[in-house]
Amino acid sequence: MSGNVTWTSENDEQLIDFVKNHEALYNIKSKEYRQAQMKQNLWNEIGITLQKSVRFILALTLCSGLGIKFSVDSESASTKCF
């Protein structure tokens, strides 16, 4: 999974739909929001579905939410916002 660093608009739609259907990932009023293991399992599930690492998805999500660019170094598999 870590070698596949392409991201498409279809991936965007899949991620958006997945998160919308799992309010534990975004709704602080949800009972499940504070259940770290449940949230990790959900991120793992979407990572498998999208064939991307959880680290990649979380970095992309964080950078996008902050309105900054996202970079991937495919050789070291590192991700960064700038």
C-alpha atoms as a PDB file:
ATOM      1  CA  MET A   1       0.000   0.000   0.000  1.00  0.00           C
ATOM      2  CA  SER A   2       2.751   2.487   0.794  1.00  0.00           C
ATOM      3  CA  GLY A   3       4.053   2.555  -2.796  1.00  0.00           C
ATOM      4  CA  ASN A   4       0.722   3.652  -4.261  1.00  0.00           C
ATOM      5  CA  VAL A   5       0.691   7.423  -3.835  1.00  0.00           C
ATOM      6  CA  THR A   6      -1.718   8.487  -6.562  1.00  0.00           C
ATOM      7  CA  TRP A   7      -4.949  10.127  -5.442  1.00  0.00           C
ATOM      8  CA  THR A   8      -7.982  10.605  -7.654  1.00  0.00           C
ATOM      9  CA  SER A   9     -11.279  12.446  -7.443  1.00  0.00           C
ATOM     10  CA  GLU A  10     -12.874   9.006  -7.076  1.00  0.00           C
ATOM     11  CA  ASN A  11     -10.713   8.471  -3.975  1.00  0.00           C
ATOM     12  CA  ASP A  12     -11.966  11.826  -2.677  1.00  0.00           C
ATOM     13  CA  GLU A  13     -15.573  10.726  -3.121  1.00  0.00           C
ATOM     14  CA  GLN A  14     -14.965   7.346  -1.470  1.00  0.00           C
ATOM     15  CA  LEU A  15     -13.239   8.968   1.502  1.00  0.00           C
ATOM     16  CA  ILE A  16     -15.964  11.594   1.896  1.00  0.00           C
ATOM     17  CA  ASP A  17     -18.721   8.974   1.738  1.00  0.00           C
ATOM     18  CA  PHE A  18     -16.913   6.733   4.214  1.00  0.00           C
ATOM     19  CA  VAL A  19     -16.366   9.506   6.753  1.00  0.00           C
ATOM     20  CA  LYS A  20     -19.959  10.755   6.367  1.00  0.00           C
ATOM     21  CA  ASN A  21     -21.187   7.260   7.226  1.00  0.00           C
ATOM     22  CA  HIS A  22     -18.966   6.964  10.323  1.00  0.00           C
ATOM     23  CA  GLU A  23     -19.602   9.903  12.609  1.00  0.00           C
ATOM     24  CA  ALA A  24     -17.163   8.507  15.174  1.00  0.00           C
ATOM     25  CA  LEU A  25     -14.477  10.026  12.924  1.00  0.00           C
ATOM     26  CA  TYR A  26     -15.776  13.591  13.113  1.00  0.00           C
ATOM     27  CA  ASN A  27     -18.676  14.123  15.542  1.00  0.00           C
ATOM     28  CA  ILE A  28     -17.361  14.971  19.001  1.00  0.00           C
ATOM     29  CA  LYS A  29     -20.866  14.410  20.408  1.00  0.00           C
ATOM     30  CA  SER A  30     -20.895  10.801  19.219  1.00  0.00           C
ATOM     31  CA  LYS A  31     -20.370   8.145  21.918  1.00  0.00           C
ATOM     32  CA  GLU A  32     -17.848   6.422  19.654  1.00  0.00           C
ATOM     33  CA  TYR A  33     -15.762   9.560  19.047  1.00  0.00           C
ATOM     34  CA  ARG A  34     -13.562   8.887  22.102  1.00  0.00           C
ATOM     35  CA  GLN A  35     -13.068   5.203  21.271  1.00  0.00           C
ATOM     36  CA  ALA A  36      -9.574   5.298  19.794  1.00  0.00           C
ATOM     37  CA  GLN A  37      -9.481   1.634  18.795  1.00  0.00           C
ATOM     38  CA  MET A  38     -12.784   1.899  16.949  1.00  0.00           C
ATOM     39  CA  LYS A  39     -11.544   4.949  15.045  1.00  0.00           C
ATOM     40  CA  GLN A  40      -8.267   3.206  14.216  1.00  0.00           C
ATOM     41  CA  ASN A  41     -10.234   0.237  12.883  1.00  0.00           C
ATOM     42  CA  LEU A  42     -12.319   2.569  10.712  1.00  0.00           C
ATOM     43  CA  TRP A  43      -9.202   4.265   9.298  1.00  0.00           C
ATOM     44  CA  ASN A  44      -7.705   0.824   8.627  1.00  0.00           C
ATOM     45  CA  GLU A  45     -10.896  -0.174   6.805  1.00  0.00           C
ATOM     46  CA  ILE A  46     -10.839   2.848   4.502  1.00  0.00           C
ATOM     47  CA  GLY A  47      -7.104   2.353   3.945  1.00  0.00           C
ATOM     48  CA  ILE A  48      -7.752  -1.176   2.728  1.00  0.00           C
ATOM     49  CA  THR A  49     -10.670  -0.026   0.583  1.00  0.00           C
ATOM     50  CA  LEU A  50      -8.644   2.769  -1.045  1.00  0.00           C
ATOM     51  CA  GLN A  51      -5.434   0.708  -1.123  1.00  0.00           C
ATOM     52  CA  LYS A  52      -3.563   3.473   0.682  1.00  0.00           C
ATOM     53  CA  SER A  53      -1.756   3.535   4.004  1.00  0.00           C
ATOM     54  CA  VAL A  54      -3.599   5.016   6.956  1.00  0.00           C
ATOM     55  CA  ARG A  55      -0.655   7.378   7.425  1.00  0.00           C
ATOM     56  CA  PHE A  56      -1.097   8.666   3.862  1.00  0.00           C
ATOM     57  CA  ILE A  57      -4.862   9.185   4.280  1.00  0.00           C
ATOM     58  CA  LEU A  58      -4.516  10.947   7.632  1.00  0.00           C
ATOM     59  CA  ALA A  59      -1.733  13.227   6.364  1.00  0.00           C
ATOM     60  CA  LEU A  60      -3.742  14.072   3.261  1.00  0.00           C
ATOM     61  CA  THR A  61      -6.842  14.757   5.361  1.00  0.00           C
ATOM     62  CA  LEU A  62      -4.943  16.931   7.850  1.00  0.00           C
ATOM     63  CA  CYS A  63      -3.165  18.966   5.179  1.00  0.00           C
ATOM     64  CA  SER A  64      -6.364  19.451   3.176  1.00  0.00           C
ATOM     65  CA  GLY A  65      -8.226  20.550   6.285  1.00  0.00           C
ATOM     66  CA  LEU A  66      -5.539  23.132   6.969  1.00  0.00           C
ATOM     67  CA  GLY A  67      -5.631  24.335   3.372  1.00  0.00           C
ATOM     68  CA  ILE A  68      -1.978  23.567   2.718  1.00  0.00           C
ATOM     69  CA  LYS A  69      -0.152  21.491   0.123  1.00  0.00           C
ATOM     70  CA  PHE A  70       0.633  17.839   0.674  1.00  0.00           C
ATOM     71  CA  SER A  71       3.825  16.136  -0.469  1.00  0.00           C
ATOM     72  CA  VAL A  72       4.800  12.474  -0.639  1.00  0.00           C
ATOM     73  CA  ASP A  73       8.352  11.200  -0.898  1.00  0.00           C
ATOM     74  CA  SER A  74       7.790   7.815  -2.500  1.00  0.00           C
ATOM     75  CA  GLU A  75      11.337   6.610  -1.819  1.00  0.00           C
ATOM     76  CA  SER A  76      11.210   7.122   1.933  1.00  0.00           C
ATOM     77  CA  ALA A  77       7.407   6.776   2.135  1.00  0.00           C
ATOM     78  CA  SER A  78       7.328   9.998   4.129  1.00  0.00           C
ATOM     79  CA  THR A  79       4.531  12.522   3.973  1.00  0.00           C
ATOM     80  CA  LYS A  80       4.558  16.196   4.849  1.00  0.00           C
ATOM     81  CA  CYS A  81       2.475  19.339   4.695  1.00  0.00           C
ATOM     82  CA  PHE A  82       4.033  22.570   3.507  1.00  0.00           C
END
